Amino acid sequence: MARKSIKEIKSTLGGIRKEFDCELLTRGPAEAVVIYRMPRDVQLEDVLLSKDTVSLGYFWEDRPYNVYHWIDPLQDTVALYFNIADGTRISQQSIEWRDLTVDVLITPDGRCRVLDEHELPSDIEAGLLRYIRETRDELCREPLSRLIEYDKLTRSLINRE
């Protein structure tokens, strides 16, 4: 069965806009899950996302992050990659969100790494910085529980197709 196409549109704090063509897996009133297939091998830290890696993107309008659950062809977790975000809007045609620079990478061995904090602008507004730091701290709590949660969720979505 062919899935509906949906565009993921990411804007950065610096005003850069990137678009990704995805397949819509499921959509609720204020949430969506999309599938994106890696077009080529990508190295992120010590994690290799090979061309056969599938990315399930989980988006919510009311959460301060979104997450990509990267899985291999056997549906095993390669990593979880959380983007601290705001302004997420989900429509029939697109998912738009603002990337707040800081990301959290969780690998199956339970390691939690904070990425790109050094890229935050020096003149960032204090309230936004607090939002980012609080979200970062929350995401780094109980990384193994997060791995288990998204593994179950992803398997249930993929296996019901």
N, C-alpha and C. Protein backbone atom coordinates (compact mmCIF):
# COMPACT_ATOMS: atom_id res chain seq x y z
N MET A 1 0.85 -1.19 0.00
CA MET A 1 0.00 0.00 0.00
C MET A 1 0.89 1.25 0.00
N ALA A 2 0.64 2.16 -0.91
CA ALA A 2 1.44 3.37 -1.00
C ALA A 2 1.05 4.33 0.12
N ARG A 3 2.06 4.93 0.70
CA ARG A 3 1.83 5.92 1.76
C ARG A 3 1.74 7.31 1.16
N LYS A 4 1.07 8.18 1.89
CA LYS A 4 0.95 9.58 1.48
C LYS A 4 2.28 10.29 1.68
N SER A 5 2.64 11.13 0.76
CA SER A 5 3.84 11.94 0.90
C SER A 5 3.55 13.14 1.80
N ILE A 6 4.57 13.53 2.56
CA ILE A 6 4.46 14.72 3.40
C ILE A 6 5.83 15.36 3.45
N LYS A 7 5.87 16.66 3.52
CA LYS A 7 7.13 17.40 3.54
C LYS A 7 7.47 17.80 4.97
N GLU A 8 8.70 17.47 5.37
CA GLU A 8 9.22 17.95 6.65
C GLU A 8 10.00 19.22 6.35
N ILE A 9 9.65 20.30 7.03
CA ILE A 9 10.30 21.60 6.80
C ILE A 9 10.92 22.07 8.11
N LYS A 10 12.24 22.14 8.11
CA LYS A 10 12.98 22.54 9.31
C LYS A 10 13.57 23.91 9.09
N SER A 11 13.37 24.80 10.06
CA SER A 11 14.01 26.11 10.05
C SER A 11 14.97 26.18 11.23
N THR A 12 16.11 26.80 11.03
CA THR A 12 17.09 26.91 12.10
C THR A 12 17.01 28.29 12.77
N LEU A 13 17.67 28.42 13.91
CA LEU A 13 17.74 29.72 14.58
C LEU A 13 18.36 30.77 13.66
N GLY A 14 19.27 30.36 12.79
CA GLY A 14 19.93 31.27 11.87
C GLY A 14 19.12 31.58 10.62
N GLY A 15 17.92 30.99 10.51
CA GLY A 15 17.05 31.29 9.37
C GLY A 15 17.21 30.36 8.18
N ILE A 16 18.03 29.34 8.28
CA ILE A 16 18.18 28.38 7.18
C ILE A 16 16.98 27.45 7.17
N ARG A 17 16.49 27.16 5.99
CA ARG A 17 15.31 26.30 5.82
C ARG A 17 15.71 25.08 5.01
N LYS A 18 15.35 23.89 5.51
CA LYS A 18 15.62 22.64 4.79
C LYS A 18 14.33 21.86 4.67
N GLU A 19 14.16 21.19 3.53
CA GLU A 19 12.96 20.40 3.29
C GLU A 19 13.34 18.97 2.97
N PHE A 20 12.52 18.04 3.47
CA PHE A 20 12.74 16.62 3.26
C PHE A 20 11.42 15.98 2.82
N ASP A 21 11.48 15.19 1.76
CA ASP A 21 10.30 14.47 1.31
C ASP A 21 10.22 13.16 2.08
N CYS A 22 9.11 12.98 2.80
CA CYS A 22 8.92 11.82 3.66
C CYS A 22 7.63 11.10 3.29
N GLU A 23 7.44 9.93 3.90
CA GLU A 23 6.19 9.20 3.79
C GLU A 23 5.48 9.29 5.13
N LEU A 24 4.20 9.61 5.10
CA LEU A 24 3.43 9.70 6.32
C LEU A 24 3.04 8.29 6.77
N LEU A 25 3.43 7.92 7.98
CA LEU A 25 3.09 6.61 8.52
C LEU A 25 1.78 6.70 9.30
N THR A 26 1.66 7.72 10.15
CA THR A 26 0.43 7.91 10.92
C THR A 26 0.34 9.37 11.33
N ARG A 27 -0.90 9.82 11.53
CA ARG A 27 -1.12 11.22 11.91
C ARG A 27 -2.29 11.30 12.86
N GLY A 28 -2.12 12.09 13.93
CA GLY A 28 -3.21 12.36 14.86
C GLY A 28 -3.48 13.85 14.85
N PRO A 29 -4.31 14.34 15.76
CA PRO A 29 -4.67 15.77 15.77
C PRO A 29 -3.46 16.70 15.91
N ALA A 30 -2.48 16.33 16.73
CA ALA A 30 -1.33 17.21 16.95
C ALA A 30 -0.03 16.42 16.95
N GLU A 31 -0.01 15.32 16.20
CA GLU A 31 1.20 14.49 16.13
C GLU A 31 1.24 13.77 14.80
N ALA A 32 2.45 13.37 14.43
CA ALA A 32 2.63 12.63 13.19
C ALA A 32 3.90 11.80 13.29
N VAL A 33 3.89 10.71 12.53
CA VAL A 33 5.09 9.87 12.40
C VAL A 33 5.34 9.72 10.91
N VAL A 34 6.58 10.00 10.52
CA VAL A 34 6.96 9.89 9.11
C VAL A 34 8.12 8.91 8.96
N ILE A 35 8.28 8.44 7.74
CA ILE A 35 9.41 7.57 7.40
C ILE A 35 10.26 8.29 6.37
N TYR A 36 11.55 8.25 6.60
CA TYR A 36 12.53 8.82 5.67
C TYR A 36 13.62 7.77 5.48
N ARG A 37 13.98 7.52 4.27
CA ARG A 37 15.03 6.54 3.97
C ARG A 37 16.32 7.28 3.65
N MET A 38 17.39 6.86 4.30
CA MET A 38 18.68 7.52 4.09
C MET A 38 19.11 7.37 2.63
N PRO A 39 19.39 8.48 1.96
CA PRO A 39 19.79 8.41 0.54
C PRO A 39 21.24 7.96 0.36
N ARG A 40 22.02 8.02 1.43
CA ARG A 40 23.45 7.64 1.37
C ARG A 40 23.93 7.38 2.79
N ASP A 41 25.11 6.82 2.92
CA ASP A 41 25.71 6.62 4.24
C ASP A 41 25.99 7.97 4.89
N VAL A 42 25.71 8.05 6.18
CA VAL A 42 25.98 9.27 6.95
C VAL A 42 26.65 8.87 8.26
N GLN A 43 27.73 9.55 8.60
CA GLN A 43 28.41 9.32 9.87
C GLN A 43 28.05 10.45 10.83
N LEU A 44 27.53 10.10 12.00
CA LEU A 44 27.19 11.08 13.02
C LEU A 44 27.85 10.63 14.31
N GLU A 45 28.84 11.41 14.74
CA GLU A 45 29.65 10.98 15.89
C GLU A 45 30.21 9.60 15.55
N ASP A 46 30.00 8.61 16.44
CA ASP A 46 30.49 7.27 16.16
C ASP A 46 29.39 6.35 15.63
N VAL A 47 28.30 6.92 15.14
CA VAL A 47 27.17 6.16 14.63
C VAL A 47 27.16 6.25 13.11
N LEU A 48 27.19 5.07 12.46
CA LEU A 48 27.08 5.02 11.01
C LEU A 48 25.63 4.76 10.65
N LEU A 49 25.05 5.69 9.92
CA LEU A 49 23.72 5.50 9.36
C LEU A 49 23.91 5.08 7.92
N SER A 50 23.83 3.79 7.68
CA SER A 50 24.07 3.29 6.33
C SER A 50 22.86 3.58 5.45
N LYS A 51 23.07 3.45 4.17
CA LYS A 51 22.03 3.77 3.19
C LYS A 51 20.75 2.96 3.44
N ASP A 52 20.85 1.82 4.06
CA ASP A 52 19.66 1.01 4.31
C ASP A 52 19.00 1.32 5.66
N THR A 53 19.47 2.36 6.36
CA THR A 53 18.85 2.78 7.62
C THR A 53 17.52 3.48 7.32
N VAL A 54 16.53 3.17 8.12
CA VAL A 54 15.22 3.82 8.01
C VAL A 54 15.08 4.74 9.22
N SER A 55 14.59 5.93 8.96
CA SER A 55 14.38 6.92 10.01
C SER A 55 12.88 7.12 10.20
N LEU A 56 12.42 6.86 11.41
CA LEU A 56 11.04 7.19 11.76
C LEU A 56 11.10 8.49 12.55
N GLY A 57 10.46 9.50 12.03
CA GLY A 57 10.43 10.80 12.69
C GLY A 57 9.13 10.98 13.44
N TYR A 58 9.24 11.22 14.74
CA TYR A 58 8.08 11.44 15.60
C TYR A 58 7.99 12.94 15.89
N PHE A 59 6.83 13.53 15.61
CA PHE A 59 6.64 14.97 15.79
C PHE A 59 5.36 15.22 16.59
N TRP A 60 5.43 16.19 17.47
CA TRP A 60 4.29 16.61 18.28
C TRP A 60 4.25 18.13 18.32
N GLU A 61 3.07 18.68 18.30
CA GLU A 61 2.93 20.13 18.40
C GLU A 61 3.12 20.62 19.83
N ASP A 62 2.95 19.74 20.81
CA ASP A 62 2.98 20.19 22.20
C ASP A 62 4.19 19.68 23.00
N ARG A 63 5.21 19.19 22.32
CA ARG A 63 6.42 18.75 23.02
C ARG A 63 7.60 19.63 22.58
N PRO A 64 8.58 19.80 23.48
CA PRO A 64 9.72 20.67 23.15
C PRO A 64 10.82 19.96 22.36
N TYR A 65 10.46 18.90 21.68
CA TYR A 65 11.43 18.13 20.88
C TYR A 65 10.69 17.30 19.85
N ASN A 66 11.44 16.80 18.90
CA ASN A 66 11.00 15.71 18.04
C ASN A 66 12.11 14.67 18.11
N VAL A 67 11.85 13.50 17.59
CA VAL A 67 12.87 12.45 17.67
C VAL A 67 12.86 11.62 16.39
N TYR A 68 14.07 11.28 15.96
CA TYR A 68 14.23 10.33 14.87
C TYR A 68 14.69 9.02 15.49
N HIS A 69 13.96 7.96 15.19
CA HIS A 69 14.36 6.62 15.62
C HIS A 69 14.94 5.95 14.40
N TRP A 70 16.25 5.77 14.43
CA TRP A 70 16.94 5.17 13.30
C TRP A 70 17.03 3.67 13.52
N ILE A 71 16.54 2.89 12.55
CA ILE A 71 16.56 1.44 12.67
C ILE A 71 17.23 0.82 11.45
N ASP A 72 17.79 -0.37 11.67
CA ASP A 72 18.43 -1.11 10.58
C ASP A 72 17.38 -2.01 9.90
N PRO A 73 17.76 -2.75 8.85
CA PRO A 73 16.78 -3.59 8.15
C PRO A 73 16.10 -4.65 9.02
N LEU A 74 16.72 -5.02 10.14
CA LEU A 74 16.11 -6.00 11.04
C LEU A 74 15.22 -5.33 12.09
N GLN A 75 15.03 -4.04 11.97
CA GLN A 75 14.23 -3.20 12.88
C GLN A 75 14.89 -3.02 14.25
N ASP A 76 16.21 -3.22 14.31
CA ASP A 76 16.94 -2.97 15.55
C ASP A 76 17.35 -1.49 15.58
N THR A 77 17.38 -0.94 16.77
CA THR A 77 17.72 0.47 16.94
C THR A 77 19.18 0.73 16.64
N VAL A 78 19.43 1.71 15.79
CA VAL A 78 20.78 2.21 15.54
C VAL A 78 21.05 3.35 16.53
N ALA A 79 20.06 4.24 16.70
CA ALA A 79 20.17 5.36 17.65
C ALA A 79 18.84 6.10 17.71
N LEU A 80 18.69 6.88 18.77
CA LEU A 80 17.63 7.87 18.87
C LEU A 80 18.29 9.24 18.77
N TYR A 81 17.70 10.13 18.01
CA TYR A 81 18.26 11.46 17.81
C TYR A 81 17.17 12.49 18.08
N PHE A 82 17.26 13.14 19.22
CA PHE A 82 16.27 14.14 19.62
C PHE A 82 16.73 15.52 19.18
N ASN A 83 15.84 16.25 18.53
CA ASN A 83 16.07 17.65 18.20
C ASN A 83 15.27 18.50 19.18
N ILE A 84 15.92 19.38 19.90
CA ILE A 84 15.18 20.32 20.73
C ILE A 84 14.56 21.34 19.77
N ALA A 85 13.25 21.54 19.93
CA ALA A 85 12.51 22.28 18.92
C ALA A 85 11.38 23.10 19.53
N ASP A 86 10.88 24.01 18.74
CA ASP A 86 9.64 24.71 19.09
C ASP A 86 8.91 25.07 17.81
N GLY A 87 7.70 25.56 17.96
CA GLY A 87 6.93 26.00 16.80
C GLY A 87 6.49 24.90 15.86
N THR A 88 6.38 23.68 16.33
CA THR A 88 5.98 22.58 15.45
C THR A 88 4.52 22.73 15.04
N ARG A 89 4.30 22.67 13.73
CA ARG A 89 2.96 22.74 13.15
C ARG A 89 2.80 21.59 12.17
N ILE A 90 1.71 20.85 12.34
CA ILE A 90 1.46 19.68 11.50
C ILE A 90 0.18 19.92 10.70
N SER A 91 0.29 19.79 9.38
CA SER A 91 -0.87 19.93 8.50
C SER A 91 -0.95 18.69 7.61
N GLN A 92 -1.91 18.66 6.73
CA GLN A 92 -2.05 17.54 5.80
C GLN A 92 -0.84 17.43 4.86
N GLN A 93 -0.23 18.58 4.53
CA GLN A 93 0.84 18.61 3.54
C GLN A 93 2.24 18.64 4.13
N SER A 94 2.36 19.13 5.37
CA SER A 94 3.72 19.34 5.88
C SER A 94 3.79 19.29 7.41
N ILE A 95 5.02 19.13 7.86
CA ILE A 95 5.37 19.25 9.27
C ILE A 95 6.45 20.32 9.31
N GLU A 96 6.15 21.43 9.96
CA GLU A 96 7.11 22.53 10.05
C GLU A 96 7.54 22.68 11.50
N TRP A 97 8.84 22.89 11.70
CA TRP A 97 9.35 23.05 13.06
C TRP A 97 10.62 23.87 13.05
N ARG A 98 10.91 24.46 14.20
CA ARG A 98 12.14 25.24 14.35
C ARG A 98 13.15 24.44 15.16
N ASP A 99 14.30 24.25 14.58
CA ASP A 99 15.40 23.52 15.21
C ASP A 99 16.16 24.50 16.11
N LEU A 100 16.22 24.16 17.40
CA LEU A 100 16.88 25.03 18.37
C LEU A 100 18.34 24.62 18.62
N THR A 101 18.96 24.03 17.61
CA THR A 101 20.40 23.75 17.54
C THR A 101 20.85 22.55 18.35
N VAL A 102 20.47 22.45 19.61
CA VAL A 102 20.98 21.41 20.50
C VAL A 102 20.23 20.10 20.24
N ASP A 103 21.00 19.02 20.11
CA ASP A 103 20.45 17.69 19.86
C ASP A 103 20.94 16.73 20.94
N VAL A 104 20.20 15.65 21.12
CA VAL A 104 20.58 14.61 22.07
C VAL A 104 20.60 13.28 21.32
N LEU A 105 21.73 12.60 21.36
CA LEU A 105 21.92 11.32 20.69
C LEU A 105 22.00 10.22 21.75
N ILE A 106 21.13 9.23 21.63
CA ILE A 106 21.13 8.09 22.55
C ILE A 106 21.37 6.83 21.73
N THR A 107 22.38 6.07 22.13
CA THR A 107 22.73 4.84 21.42
C THR A 107 22.31 3.62 22.24
N PRO A 108 22.19 2.45 21.60
CA PRO A 108 21.71 1.26 22.28
C PRO A 108 22.51 0.84 23.51
N ASP A 109 23.73 1.32 23.65
CA ASP A 109 24.52 1.00 24.84
C ASP A 109 24.15 1.91 26.03
N GLY A 110 23.15 2.79 25.82
CA GLY A 110 22.67 3.65 26.89
C GLY A 110 23.39 4.98 27.02
N ARG A 111 24.36 5.23 26.15
CA ARG A 111 25.06 6.52 26.22
C ARG A 111 24.16 7.63 25.71
N CYS A 112 24.21 8.76 26.39
CA CYS A 112 23.45 9.94 26.01
C CYS A 112 24.45 11.06 25.77
N ARG A 113 24.45 11.59 24.56
CA ARG A 113 25.39 12.66 24.21
C ARG A 113 24.63 13.90 23.77
N VAL A 114 25.05 15.03 24.29
CA VAL A 114 24.49 16.32 23.89
C VAL A 114 25.37 16.88 22.79
N LEU A 115 24.74 17.26 21.68
CA LEU A 115 25.47 17.73 20.50
C LEU A 115 25.14 19.19 20.19
N ASP A 116 26.12 19.88 19.69
CA ASP A 116 25.98 21.21 19.07
C ASP A 116 25.67 22.36 20.02
N GLU A 117 25.80 22.14 21.32
CA GLU A 117 25.55 23.23 22.27
C GLU A 117 26.46 24.43 21.99
N HIS A 118 27.66 24.15 21.54
CA HIS A 118 28.63 25.21 21.26
C HIS A 118 28.20 26.10 20.09
N GLU A 119 27.19 25.65 19.32
CA GLU A 119 26.72 26.41 18.16
C GLU A 119 25.61 27.41 18.51
N LEU A 120 25.15 27.41 19.76
CA LEU A 120 24.11 28.36 20.15
C LEU A 120 24.65 29.79 20.02
N PRO A 121 23.84 30.71 19.53
CA PRO A 121 24.31 32.09 19.42
C PRO A 121 24.58 32.70 20.79
N SER A 122 25.60 33.53 20.87
CA SER A 122 25.97 34.13 22.15
C SER A 122 24.90 35.11 22.66
N ASP A 123 24.09 35.63 21.75
CA ASP A 123 23.06 36.59 22.15
C ASP A 123 21.67 35.97 22.28
N ILE A 124 21.62 34.65 22.48
CA ILE A 124 20.33 33.97 22.60
C ILE A 124 19.56 34.51 23.80
N GLU A 125 18.27 34.67 23.64
CA GLU A 125 17.40 35.20 24.69
C GLU A 125 17.39 34.24 25.88
N ALA A 126 17.42 34.77 27.09
CA ALA A 126 17.55 33.98 28.32
C ALA A 126 16.44 32.94 28.48
N GLY A 127 15.21 33.31 28.16
CA GLY A 127 14.10 32.36 28.28
C GLY A 127 14.22 31.19 27.32
N LEU A 128 14.69 31.46 26.11
CA LEU A 128 14.88 30.39 25.13
C LEU A 128 16.03 29.48 25.55
N LEU A 129 17.09 30.05 26.09
CA LEU A 129 18.21 29.25 26.57
C LEU A 129 17.77 28.34 27.72
N ARG A 130 16.96 28.85 28.61
CA ARG A 130 16.43 28.04 29.72
C ARG A 130 15.58 26.89 29.19
N TYR A 131 14.72 27.16 28.20
CA TYR A 131 13.88 26.15 27.54
C TYR A 131 14.75 25.04 26.96
N ILE A 132 15.81 25.42 26.27
CA ILE A 132 16.72 24.45 25.66
C ILE A 132 17.39 23.59 26.72
N ARG A 133 17.91 24.24 27.76
CA ARG A 133 18.63 23.50 28.81
C ARG A 133 17.71 22.56 29.59
N GLU A 134 16.50 23.02 29.90
CA GLU A 134 15.56 22.16 30.62
C GLU A 134 15.17 20.95 29.77
N THR A 135 14.96 21.16 28.48
CA THR A 135 14.61 20.06 27.59
C THR A 135 15.79 19.09 27.46
N ARG A 136 16.98 19.62 27.30
CA ARG A 136 18.19 18.79 27.23
C ARG A 136 18.30 17.90 28.46
N ASP A 137 18.14 18.50 29.63
CA ASP A 137 18.27 17.74 30.87
C ASP A 137 17.21 16.65 30.97
N GLU A 138 15.99 16.96 30.57
CA GLU A 138 14.90 15.98 30.60
C GLU A 138 15.21 14.81 29.66
N LEU A 139 15.68 15.11 28.46
CA LEU A 139 15.96 14.06 27.48
C LEU A 139 17.09 13.14 27.91
N CYS A 140 18.01 13.65 28.71
CA CYS A 140 19.16 12.83 29.14
C CYS A 140 18.85 11.97 30.37
N ARG A 141 17.67 12.17 30.96
CA ARG A 141 17.27 11.31 32.09
C ARG A 141 16.80 9.97 31.55
N GLU A 142 17.24 8.90 32.13
CA GLU A 142 16.78 7.55 31.82
C GLU A 142 16.84 7.20 30.33
N PRO A 143 18.02 7.27 29.73
CA PRO A 143 18.13 6.99 28.29
C PRO A 143 17.70 5.57 27.91
N LEU A 144 17.96 4.59 28.75
CA LEU A 144 17.54 3.22 28.42
C LEU A 144 16.03 3.11 28.35
N SER A 145 15.32 3.82 29.22
CA SER A 145 13.85 3.81 29.17
C SER A 145 13.36 4.40 27.86
N ARG A 146 14.03 5.45 27.39
CA ARG A 146 13.65 6.05 26.10
C ARG A 146 13.88 5.08 24.95
N LEU A 147 14.99 4.36 25.00
CA LEU A 147 15.27 3.36 23.95
C LEU A 147 14.18 2.30 23.92
N ILE A 148 13.79 1.79 25.07
CA ILE A 148 12.76 0.76 25.15
C ILE A 148 11.42 1.31 24.64
N GLU A 149 11.09 2.52 25.06
CA GLU A 149 9.83 3.15 24.65
C GLU A 149 9.71 3.27 23.14
N TYR A 150 10.74 3.81 22.49
CA TYR A 150 10.65 4.02 21.05
C TYR A 150 10.81 2.72 20.27
N ASP A 151 11.54 1.76 20.81
CA ASP A 151 11.65 0.46 20.15
C ASP A 151 10.26 -0.19 20.08
N LYS A 152 9.54 -0.19 21.19
CA LYS A 152 8.19 -0.77 21.23
C LYS A 152 7.25 -0.02 20.30
N LEU A 153 7.30 1.29 20.36
CA LEU A 153 6.41 2.11 19.54
C LEU A 153 6.67 1.89 18.06
N THR A 154 7.93 1.92 17.66
CA THR A 154 8.27 1.73 16.26
C THR A 154 7.87 0.35 15.77
N ARG A 155 8.17 -0.67 16.55
CA ARG A 155 7.79 -2.04 16.13
C ARG A 155 6.28 -2.17 15.99
N SER A 156 5.52 -1.57 16.89
CA SER A 156 4.06 -1.68 16.80
C SER A 156 3.54 -0.98 15.54
N LEU A 157 4.13 0.16 15.19
CA LEU A 157 3.69 0.88 13.99
C LEU A 157 4.06 0.13 12.71
N ILE A 158 5.28 -0.36 12.66
CA ILE A 158 5.74 -1.04 11.44
C ILE A 158 5.06 -2.40 11.27
N ASN A 159 4.88 -3.11 12.35
CA ASN A 159 4.32 -4.46 12.25
C ASN A 159 2.82 -4.49 12.03
N ARG A 160 2.15 -3.38 12.21
CA ARG A 160 0.70 -3.39 11.95
C ARG A 160 0.38 -3.07 10.50
N GLU A 161 1.41 -2.77 9.72
CA GLU A 161 1.18 -2.44 8.31
C GLU A 161 0.88 -3.66 7.49
